[in-house]
Amino acid sequence: TAFVEKPKDPPAIPGQPDMALASMGIYVFQTRFLIEQLRR
């Protein structure tokens, strides 16, 4: 629902108030959609 870069108060995982989900820099796209987004 939101992507926050290096937040001071990281949002917690629902049901796990002490944990957060950090991006690993790994993304999966359908190729056609990715190319549309890159051109945009």
ModelCIF file with pLDDT and N, C-alpha, C, O atoms, coordinates in Angstrom:
data_MODEL
#
_entry.id   MODEL 
#
_entity.id                         1 
_entity.type                       polymer 
_entity.pdbx_number_of_molecules   1 
#
_entity_poly.entity_id                      1 
_entity_poly.type                           'polypeptide(L)' 
_entity_poly.nstd_linkage                   no 
_entity_poly.nstd_monomer                   no 
_entity_poly.pdbx_seq_one_letter_code       TAFVEKPKDPPAIPGQPDMALASMGIYVFQTRFLIEQLRR 
_entity_poly.pdbx_seq_one_letter_code_can   TAFVEKPKDPPAIPGQPDMALASMGIYVFQTRFLIEQLRR 
_entity_poly.pdbx_strand_id                 A 
#
loop_
_entity_poly_seq.entity_id 
_entity_poly_seq.num 
_entity_poly_seq.mon_id 
_entity_poly_seq.hetero 
1 1  THR n 
1 2  ALA n 
1 3  PHE n 
1 4  VAL n 
1 5  GLU n 
1 6  LYS n 
1 7  PRO n 
1 8  LYS n 
1 9  ASP n 
1 10 PRO n 
1 11 PRO n 
1 12 ALA n 
1 13 ILE n 
1 14 PRO n 
1 15 GLY n 
1 16 GLN n 
1 17 PRO n 
1 18 ASP n 
1 19 MET n 
1 20 ALA n 
1 21 LEU n 
1 22 ALA n 
1 23 SER n 
1 24 MET n 
1 25 GLY n 
1 26 ILE n 
1 27 TYR n 
1 28 VAL n 
1 29 PHE n 
1 30 GLN n 
1 31 THR n 
1 32 ARG n 
1 33 PHE n 
1 34 LEU n 
1 35 ILE n 
1 36 GLU n 
1 37 GLN n 
1 38 LEU n 
1 39 ARG n 
1 40 ARG n 
#
_struct_asym.id          A 
_struct_asym.entity_id   1 
#
loop_
_ma_qa_metric.id 
_ma_qa_metric.mode 
_ma_qa_metric.name 
_ma_qa_metric.software_group_id 
_ma_qa_metric.type 
1 global pLDDT . pLDDT 
2 local  pLDDT . pLDDT 
#
_ma_qa_metric_global.metric_id      1 
_ma_qa_metric_global.metric_value   93.20 
_ma_qa_metric_global.model_id       1 
_ma_qa_metric_global.ordinal_id     1 
#
loop_
_ma_qa_metric_local.label_asym_id 
_ma_qa_metric_local.label_comp_id 
_ma_qa_metric_local.label_seq_id 
_ma_qa_metric_local.metric_id 
_ma_qa_metric_local.metric_value 
_ma_qa_metric_local.model_id 
_ma_qa_metric_local.ordinal_id 
A THR 1  2 95.00 1 1  
A ALA 2  2 93.00 1 2  
A PHE 3  2 90.00 1 3  
A VAL 4  2 87.00 1 4  
A GLU 5  2 82.00 1 5  
A LYS 6  2 82.00 1 6  
A PRO 7  2 87.00 1 7  
A LYS 8  2 88.00 1 8  
A ASP 9  2 90.00 1 9  
A PRO 10 2 91.00 1 10 
A PRO 11 2 92.00 1 11 
A ALA 12 2 92.00 1 12 
A ILE 13 2 94.00 1 13 
A PRO 14 2 93.00 1 14 
A GLY 15 2 91.00 1 15 
A GLN 16 2 92.00 1 16 
A PRO 17 2 91.00 1 17 
A ASP 18 2 93.00 1 18 
A MET 19 2 94.00 1 19 
A ALA 20 2 94.00 1 20 
A LEU 21 2 95.00 1 21 
A ALA 22 2 94.00 1 22 
A SER 23 2 93.00 1 23 
A MET 24 2 94.00 1 24 
A GLY 25 2 92.00 1 25 
A ILE 26 2 96.00 1 26 
A TYR 27 2 97.00 1 27 
A VAL 28 2 98.00 1 28 
A PHE 29 2 97.00 1 29 
A GLN 30 2 97.00 1 30 
A THR 31 2 98.00 1 31 
A ARG 32 2 97.00 1 32 
A PHE 33 2 97.00 1 33 
A LEU 34 2 97.00 1 34 
A ILE 35 2 97.00 1 35 
A GLU 36 2 97.00 1 36 
A GLN 37 2 96.00 1 37 
A LEU 38 2 95.00 1 38 
A ARG 39 2 95.00 1 39 
A ARG 40 2 95.00 1 40 
#
loop_
_atom_site.group_PDB 
_atom_site.id 
_atom_site.type_symbol 
_atom_site.label_atom_id 
_atom_site.label_alt_id 
_atom_site.label_comp_id 
_atom_site.label_asym_id 
_atom_site.label_entity_id 
_atom_site.label_seq_id 
_atom_site.pdbx_PDB_ins_code 
_atom_site.Cartn_x 
_atom_site.Cartn_y 
_atom_site.Cartn_z 
_atom_site.occupancy 
_atom_site.B_iso_or_equiv 
_atom_site.pdbx_formal_charge 
_atom_site.auth_seq_id 
_atom_site.auth_comp_id 
_atom_site.auth_asym_id 
_atom_site.auth_atom_id 
_atom_site.pdbx_PDB_model_num 
ATOM 1   N N  . THR A 1 1  ? 0.822  -1.220  0.000   1.00 95.00 ? 1  THR A N  1 
ATOM 2   C CA . THR A 1 1  ? 0.000  0.000   0.000   1.00 95.00 ? 1  THR A CA 1 
ATOM 3   C C  . THR A 1 1  ? 0.849  1.260   0.000   1.00 95.00 ? 1  THR A C  1 
ATOM 4   O O  . THR A 1 1  ? 0.361  2.337   -0.343  1.00 95.00 ? 1  THR A O  1 
ATOM 5   N N  . ALA A 1 2  ? 2.117  1.137   0.381   1.00 93.00 ? 2  ALA A N  1 
ATOM 6   C CA . ALA A 1 2  ? 3.026  2.293   0.344   1.00 93.00 ? 2  ALA A CA 1 
ATOM 7   C C  . ALA A 1 2  ? 4.455  1.791   0.336   1.00 93.00 ? 2  ALA A C  1 
ATOM 8   O O  . ALA A 1 2  ? 4.772  0.752   0.914   1.00 93.00 ? 2  ALA A O  1 
ATOM 9   N N  . PHE A 1 3  ? 5.319  2.559   -0.339  1.00 90.00 ? 3  PHE A N  1 
ATOM 10  C CA . PHE A 1 3  ? 6.751  2.250   -0.375  1.00 90.00 ? 3  PHE A CA 1 
ATOM 11  C C  . PHE A 1 3  ? 7.479  3.459   0.198   1.00 90.00 ? 3  PHE A C  1 
ATOM 12  O O  . PHE A 1 3  ? 7.403  4.558   -0.352  1.00 90.00 ? 3  PHE A O  1 
ATOM 13  N N  . VAL A 1 4  ? 8.187  3.249   1.309   1.00 87.00 ? 4  VAL A N  1 
ATOM 14  C CA . VAL A 1 4  ? 8.832  4.359   2.012   1.00 87.00 ? 4  VAL A CA 1 
ATOM 15  C C  . VAL A 1 4  ? 10.339 4.142   2.006   1.00 87.00 ? 4  VAL A C  1 
ATOM 16  O O  . VAL A 1 4  ? 10.809 3.109   2.482   1.00 87.00 ? 4  VAL A O  1 
ATOM 17  N N  . GLU A 1 5  ? 11.108 5.095   1.477   1.00 82.00 ? 5  GLU A N  1 
ATOM 18  C CA . GLU A 1 5  ? 12.563 4.974   1.376   1.00 82.00 ? 5  GLU A CA 1 
ATOM 19  C C  . GLU A 1 5  ? 13.219 5.454   2.662   1.00 82.00 ? 5  GLU A C  1 
ATOM 20  O O  . GLU A 1 5  ? 13.115 6.627   3.019   1.00 82.00 ? 5  GLU A O  1 
ATOM 21  N N  . LYS A 1 6  ? 13.904 4.530   3.365   1.00 82.00 ? 6  LYS A N  1 
ATOM 22  C CA . LYS A 1 6  ? 14.671 4.825   4.587   1.00 82.00 ? 6  LYS A CA 1 
ATOM 23  C C  . LYS A 1 6  ? 13.861 5.648   5.601   1.00 82.00 ? 6  LYS A C  1 
ATOM 24  O O  . LYS A 1 6  ? 14.257 6.761   5.947   1.00 82.00 ? 6  LYS A O  1 
ATOM 25  N N  . PRO A 1 7  ? 12.731 5.106   6.077   1.00 87.00 ? 7  PRO A N  1 
ATOM 26  C CA . PRO A 1 7  ? 11.870 5.866   6.994   1.00 87.00 ? 7  PRO A CA 1 
ATOM 27  C C  . PRO A 1 7  ? 12.440 5.909   8.414   1.00 87.00 ? 7  PRO A C  1 
ATOM 28  O O  . PRO A 1 7  ? 13.117 4.976   8.846   1.00 87.00 ? 7  PRO A O  1 
ATOM 29  N N  . LYS A 1 8  ? 12.158 7.005   9.138   1.00 88.00 ? 8  LYS A N  1 
ATOM 30  C CA . LYS A 1 8  ? 12.557 7.088   10.543  1.00 88.00 ? 8  LYS A CA 1 
ATOM 31  C C  . LYS A 1 8  ? 11.691 6.189   11.412  1.00 88.00 ? 8  LYS A C  1 
ATOM 32  O O  . LYS A 1 8  ? 12.160 5.631   12.404  1.00 88.00 ? 8  LYS A O  1 
ATOM 33  N N  . ASP A 1 9  ? 10.411 6.052   11.029  1.00 90.00 ? 9  ASP A N  1 
ATOM 34  C CA . ASP A 1 9  ? 9.488  5.194   11.770  1.00 90.00 ? 9  ASP A CA 1 
ATOM 35  C C  . ASP A 1 9  ? 8.907  4.156   10.806  1.00 90.00 ? 9  ASP A C  1 
ATOM 36  O O  . ASP A 1 9  ? 7.828  4.363   10.251  1.00 90.00 ? 9  ASP A O  1 
ATOM 37  N N  . PRO A 1 10 ? 9.620  3.034   10.603  1.00 91.00 ? 10 PRO A N  1 
ATOM 38  C CA . PRO A 1 10 ? 9.199  2.066   9.582   1.00 91.00 ? 10 PRO A CA 1 
ATOM 39  C C  . PRO A 1 10 ? 7.842  1.455   9.899   1.00 91.00 ? 10 PRO A C  1 
ATOM 40  O O  . PRO A 1 10 ? 7.573  1.127   11.055  1.00 91.00 ? 10 PRO A O  1 
ATOM 41  N N  . PRO A 1 11 ? 6.968  1.292   8.883   1.00 92.00 ? 11 PRO A N  1 
ATOM 42  C CA . PRO A 1 11 ? 5.674  0.637   9.112   1.00 92.00 ? 11 PRO A CA 1 
ATOM 43  C C  . PRO A 1 11 ? 5.860  -0.839  9.446   1.00 92.00 ? 11 PRO A C  1 
ATOM 44  O O  . PRO A 1 11 ? 6.720  -1.512  8.877   1.00 92.00 ? 11 PRO A O  1 
ATOM 45  N N  . ALA A 1 12 ? 5.044  -1.333  10.374  1.00 92.00 ? 12 ALA A N  1 
ATOM 46  C CA . ALA A 1 12 ? 5.155  -2.720  10.826  1.00 92.00 ? 12 ALA A CA 1 
ATOM 47  C C  . ALA A 1 12 ? 4.384  -3.656  9.906   1.00 92.00 ? 12 ALA A C  1 
ATOM 48  O O  . ALA A 1 12 ? 3.494  -3.224  9.173   1.00 92.00 ? 12 ALA A O  1 
ATOM 49  N N  . ILE A 1 13 ? 4.727  -4.933  9.946   1.00 94.00 ? 13 ILE A N  1 
ATOM 50  C CA . ILE A 1 13 ? 3.988  -5.969  9.231   1.00 94.00 ? 13 ILE A CA 1 
ATOM 51  C C  . ILE A 1 13 ? 2.697  -6.249  10.009  1.00 94.00 ? 13 ILE A C  1 
ATOM 52  O O  . ILE A 1 13 ? 2.756  -6.398  11.230  1.00 94.00 ? 13 ILE A O  1 
ATOM 53  N N  . PRO A 1 14 ? 1.553  -6.325  9.362   1.00 93.00 ? 14 PRO A N  1 
ATOM 54  C CA . PRO A 1 14 ? 0.306  -6.653  10.066  1.00 93.00 ? 14 PRO A CA 1 
ATOM 55  C C  . PRO A 1 14 ? 0.444  -7.952  10.863  1.00 93.00 ? 14 PRO A C  1 
ATOM 56  O O  . PRO A 1 14 ? 0.820  -8.991  10.320  1.00 93.00 ? 14 PRO A O  1 
ATOM 57  N N  . GLY A 1 15 ? 0.135  -7.875  12.156  1.00 91.00 ? 15 GLY A N  1 
ATOM 58  C CA . GLY A 1 15 ? 0.243  -9.042  13.024  1.00 91.00 ? 15 GLY A CA 1 
ATOM 59  C C  . GLY A 1 15 ? 1.634  -9.259  13.593  1.00 91.00 ? 15 GLY A C  1 
ATOM 60  O O  . GLY A 1 15 ? 1.819  -10.126 14.447  1.00 91.00 ? 15 GLY A O  1 
ATOM 61  N N  . GLN A 1 16 ? 2.633  -8.478  13.131  1.00 92.00 ? 16 GLN A N  1 
ATOM 62  C CA . GLN A 1 16 ? 4.005  -8.568  13.651  1.00 92.00 ? 16 GLN A CA 1 
ATOM 63  C C  . GLN A 1 16 ? 4.499  -7.150  13.948  1.00 92.00 ? 16 GLN A C  1 
ATOM 64  O O  . GLN A 1 16 ? 5.243  -6.573  13.155  1.00 92.00 ? 16 GLN A O  1 
ATOM 65  N N  . PRO A 1 17 ? 4.088  -6.591  15.084  1.00 91.00 ? 17 PRO A N  1 
ATOM 66  C CA . PRO A 1 17 ? 4.355  -5.169  15.355  1.00 91.00 ? 17 PRO A CA 1 
ATOM 67  C C  . PRO A 1 17 ? 5.826  -4.797  15.467  1.00 91.00 ? 17 PRO A C  1 
ATOM 68  O O  . PRO A 1 17 ? 6.170  -3.622  15.342  1.00 91.00 ? 17 PRO A O  1 
ATOM 69  N N  . ASP A 1 18 ? 6.704  -5.771  15.701  1.00 93.00 ? 18 ASP A N  1 
ATOM 70  C CA . ASP A 1 18 ? 8.133  -5.468  15.855  1.00 93.00 ? 18 ASP A CA 1 
ATOM 71  C C  . ASP A 1 18 ? 8.935  -5.701  14.577  1.00 93.00 ? 18 ASP A C  1 
ATOM 72  O O  . ASP A 1 18 ? 10.150 -5.502  14.571  1.00 93.00 ? 18 ASP A O  1 
ATOM 73  N N  . MET A 1 19 ? 8.273  -6.124  13.486  1.00 94.00 ? 19 MET A N  1 
ATOM 74  C CA . MET A 1 19 ? 8.973  -6.457  12.250  1.00 94.00 ? 19 MET A CA 1 
ATOM 75  C C  . MET A 1 19 ? 8.515  -5.563  11.101  1.00 94.00 ? 19 MET A C  1 
ATOM 76  O O  . MET A 1 19 ? 7.387  -5.071  11.095  1.00 94.00 ? 19 MET A O  1 
ATOM 77  N N  . ALA A 1 20 ? 9.401  -5.361  10.131  1.00 94.00 ? 20 ALA A N  1 
ATOM 78  C CA . ALA A 1 20 ? 9.078  -4.591  8.924   1.00 94.00 ? 20 ALA A CA 1 
ATOM 79  C C  . ALA A 1 20 ? 9.534  -5.379  7.703   1.00 94.00 ? 20 ALA A C  1 
ATOM 80  O O  . ALA A 1 20 ? 10.380 -6.267  7.808   1.00 94.00 ? 20 ALA A O  1 
ATOM 81  N N  . LEU A 1 21 ? 8.963  -5.048  6.541   1.00 95.00 ? 21 LEU A N  1 
ATOM 82  C CA . LEU A 1 21 ? 9.354  -5.692  5.282   1.00 95.00 ? 21 LEU A CA 1 
ATOM 83  C C  . LEU A 1 21 ? 10.278 -4.759  4.503   1.00 95.00 ? 21 LEU A C  1 
ATOM 84  O O  . LEU A 1 21 ? 9.854  -3.698  4.045   1.00 95.00 ? 21 LEU A O  1 
ATOM 85  N N  . ALA A 1 22 ? 11.526 -5.153  4.357   1.00 94.00 ? 22 ALA A N  1 
ATOM 86  C CA . ALA A 1 22 ? 12.517 -4.341  3.654   1.00 94.00 ? 22 ALA A CA 1 
ATOM 87  C C  . ALA A 1 22 ? 12.716 -4.871  2.238   1.00 94.00 ? 22 ALA A C  1 
ATOM 88  O O  . ALA A 1 22 ? 12.769 -6.081  2.018   1.00 94.00 ? 22 ALA A O  1 
ATOM 89  N N  . SER A 1 23 ? 12.825 -3.952  1.283   1.00 93.00 ? 23 SER A N  1 
ATOM 90  C CA . SER A 1 23 ? 13.038 -4.341  -0.108  1.00 93.00 ? 23 SER A CA 1 
ATOM 91  C C  . SER A 1 23 ? 14.434 -4.914  -0.305  1.00 93.00 ? 23 SER A C  1 
ATOM 92  O O  . SER A 1 23 ? 15.411 -4.382  0.223   1.00 93.00 ? 23 SER A O  1 
ATOM 93  N N  . MET A 1 24 ? 14.525 -6.002  -1.069  1.00 94.00 ? 24 MET A N  1 
ATOM 94  C CA . MET A 1 24 ? 15.809 -6.627  -1.390  1.00 94.00 ? 24 MET A CA 1 
ATOM 95  C C  . MET A 1 24 ? 16.338 -6.165  -2.745  1.00 94.00 ? 24 MET A C  1 
ATOM 96  O O  . MET A 1 24 ? 17.411 -6.595  -3.169  1.00 94.00 ? 24 MET A O  1 
ATOM 97  N N  . GLY A 1 25 ? 15.593 -5.291  -3.428  1.00 92.00 ? 25 GLY A N  1 
ATOM 98  C CA . GLY A 1 25 ? 16.021 -4.870  -4.760  1.00 92.00 ? 25 GLY A CA 1 
ATOM 99  C C  . GLY A 1 25 ? 15.811 -5.938  -5.811  1.00 92.00 ? 25 GLY A C  1 
ATOM 100 O O  . GLY A 1 25 ? 16.522 -5.968  -6.816  1.00 92.00 ? 25 GLY A O  1 
ATOM 101 N N  . ILE A 1 26 ? 14.825 -6.832  -5.591  1.00 96.00 ? 26 ILE A N  1 
ATOM 102 C CA . ILE A 1 26 ? 14.478 -7.886  -6.543  1.00 96.00 ? 26 ILE A CA 1 
ATOM 103 C C  . ILE A 1 26 ? 13.048 -7.636  -7.004  1.00 96.00 ? 26 ILE A C  1 
ATOM 104 O O  . ILE A 1 26 ? 12.136 -7.529  -6.184  1.00 96.00 ? 26 ILE A O  1 
ATOM 105 N N  . TYR A 1 27 ? 12.855 -7.542  -8.322  1.00 97.00 ? 27 TYR A N  1 
ATOM 106 C CA . TYR A 1 27 ? 11.529 -7.222  -8.860  1.00 97.00 ? 27 TYR A CA 1 
ATOM 107 C C  . TYR A 1 27 ? 11.174 -8.180  -9.995  1.00 97.00 ? 27 TYR A C  1 
ATOM 108 O O  . TYR A 1 27 ? 12.024 -8.525  -10.817 1.00 97.00 ? 27 TYR A O  1 
ATOM 109 N N  . VAL A 1 28 ? 9.901  -8.609  -10.031 1.00 98.00 ? 28 VAL A N  1 
ATOM 110 C CA . VAL A 1 28 ? 9.402  -9.425  -11.129 1.00 98.00 ? 28 VAL A CA 1 
ATOM 111 C C  . VAL A 1 28 ? 8.287  -8.663  -11.843 1.00 98.00 ? 28 VAL A C  1 
ATOM 112 O O  . VAL A 1 28 ? 7.349  -8.175  -11.213 1.00 98.00 ? 28 VAL A O  1 
ATOM 113 N N  . PHE A 1 29 ? 8.406  -8.569  -13.174 1.00 97.00 ? 29 PHE A N  1 
ATOM 114 C CA . PHE A 1 29 ? 7.409  -7.906  -14.013 1.00 97.00 ? 29 PHE A CA 1 
ATOM 115 C C  . PHE A 1 29 ? 7.036  -8.814  -15.177 1.00 97.00 ? 29 PHE A C  1 
ATOM 116 O O  . PHE A 1 29 ? 7.809  -9.691  -15.565 1.00 97.00 ? 29 PHE A O  1 
ATOM 117 N N  . GLN A 1 30 ? 5.855  -8.600  -15.725 1.00 97.00 ? 30 GLN A N  1 
ATOM 118 C CA . GLN A 1 30 ? 5.600  -9.079  -17.076 1.00 97.00 ? 30 GLN A CA 1 
ATOM 119 C C  . GLN A 1 30 ? 6.351  -8.125  -18.009 1.00 97.00 ? 30 GLN A C  1 
ATOM 120 O O  . GLN A 1 30 ? 6.276  -6.909  -17.837 1.00 97.00 ? 30 GLN A O  1 
ATOM 121 N N  . THR A 1 31 ? 7.060  -8.657  -18.974 1.00 98.00 ? 31 THR A N  1 
ATOM 122 C CA . THR A 1 31 ? 7.966  -7.836  -19.784 1.00 98.00 ? 31 THR A CA 1 
ATOM 123 C C  . THR A 1 31 ? 7.237  -6.678  -20.460 1.00 98.00 ? 31 THR A C  1 
ATOM 124 O O  . THR A 1 31 ? 7.721  -5.546  -20.460 1.00 98.00 ? 31 THR A O  1 
ATOM 125 N N  . ARG A 1 32 ? 6.087  -6.964  -21.028 1.00 97.00 ? 32 ARG A N  1 
ATOM 126 C CA . ARG A 1 32 ? 5.339  -5.924  -21.737 1.00 97.00 ? 32 ARG A CA 1 
ATOM 127 C C  . ARG A 1 32 ? 5.003  -4.747  -20.811 1.00 97.00 ? 32 ARG A C  1 
ATOM 128 O O  . ARG A 1 32 ? 5.145  -3.585  -21.192 1.00 97.00 ? 32 ARG A O  1 
ATOM 129 N N  . PHE A 1 33 ? 4.560  -5.061  -19.604 1.00 97.00 ? 33 PHE A N  1 
ATOM 130 C CA . PHE A 1 33 ? 4.213  -4.012  -18.638 1.00 97.00 ? 33 PHE A CA 1 
ATOM 131 C C  . PHE A 1 33 ? 5.457  -3.233  -18.212 1.00 97.00 ? 33 PHE A C  1 
ATOM 132 O O  . PHE A 1 33 ? 5.408  -2.009  -18.084 1.00 97.00 ? 33 PHE A O  1 
ATOM 133 N N  . LEU A 1 34 ? 6.567  -3.933  -17.993 1.00 97.00 ? 34 LEU A N  1 
ATOM 134 C CA . LEU A 1 34 ? 7.809  -3.260  -17.595 1.00 97.00 ? 34 LEU A CA 1 
ATOM 135 C C  . LEU A 1 34 ? 8.244  -2.254  -18.650 1.00 97.00 ? 34 LEU A C  1 
ATOM 136 O O  . LEU A 1 34 ? 8.609  -1.126  -18.318 1.00 97.00 ? 34 LEU A O  1 
ATOM 137 N N  . ILE A 1 35 ? 8.208  -2.648  -19.909 1.00 97.00 ? 35 ILE A N  1 
ATOM 138 C CA . ILE A 1 35 ? 8.641  -1.746  -20.983 1.00 97.00 ? 35 ILE A CA 1 
ATOM 139 C C  . ILE A 1 35 ? 7.741  -0.514  -21.053 1.00 97.00 ? 35 ILE A C  1 
ATOM 140 O O  . ILE A 1 35 ? 8.217  0.599   -21.275 1.00 97.00 ? 35 ILE A O  1 
ATOM 141 N N  . GLU A 1 36 ? 6.435  -0.721  -20.862 1.00 97.00 ? 36 GLU A N  1 
ATOM 142 C CA . GLU A 1 36 ? 5.516  0.429   -20.820 1.00 97.00 ? 36 GLU A CA 1 
ATOM 143 C C  . GLU A 1 36 ? 5.912  1.394   -19.709 1.00 97.00 ? 36 GLU A C  1 
ATOM 144 O O  . GLU A 1 36 ? 5.931  2.608   -19.911 1.00 97.00 ? 36 GLU A O  1 
ATOM 145 N N  . GLN A 1 37 ? 6.227  0.852   -18.537 1.00 96.00 ? 37 GLN A N  1 
ATOM 146 C CA . GLN A 1 37 ? 6.588  1.699   -17.396 1.00 96.00 ? 37 GLN A CA 1 
ATOM 147 C C  . GLN A 1 37 ? 7.926  2.412   -17.615 1.00 96.00 ? 37 GLN A C  1 
ATOM 148 O O  . GLN A 1 37 ? 8.085  3.568   -17.225 1.00 96.00 ? 37 GLN A O  1 
ATOM 149 N N  . LEU A 1 38 ? 8.868  1.733   -18.228 1.00 95.00 ? 38 LEU A N  1 
ATOM 150 C CA . LEU A 1 38 ? 10.173 2.347   -18.488 1.00 95.00 ? 38 LEU A CA 1 
ATOM 151 C C  . LEU A 1 38 ? 10.037 3.492   -19.484 1.00 95.00 ? 38 LEU A C  1 
ATOM 152 O O  . LEU A 1 38 ? 10.676 4.532   -19.322 1.00 95.00 ? 38 LEU A O  1 
ATOM 153 N N  . ARG A 1 39 ? 9.220  3.314   -20.501 1.00 95.00 ? 39 ARG A N  1 
ATOM 154 C CA . ARG A 1 39 ? 9.027  4.379   -21.497 1.00 95.00 ? 39 ARG A CA 1 
ATOM 155 C C  . ARG A 1 39 ? 8.277  5.559   -20.882 1.00 95.00 ? 39 ARG A C  1 
ATOM 156 O O  . ARG A 1 39 ? 8.576  6.717   -21.176 1.00 95.00 ? 39 ARG A O  1 
ATOM 157 N N  . ARG A 1 40 ? 7.307  5.257   -20.034 1.00 95.00 ? 40 ARG A N  1 
ATOM 158 C CA . ARG A 1 40 ? 6.591  6.341   -19.339 1.00 95.00 ? 40 ARG A CA 1 
ATOM 159 C C  . ARG A 1 40 ? 7.559  7.130   -18.452 1.00 95.00 ? 40 ARG A C  1 
ATOM 160 O O  . ARG A 1 40 ? 7.151  8.081   -17.786 1.00 95.00 ? 40 ARG A O  1 
#
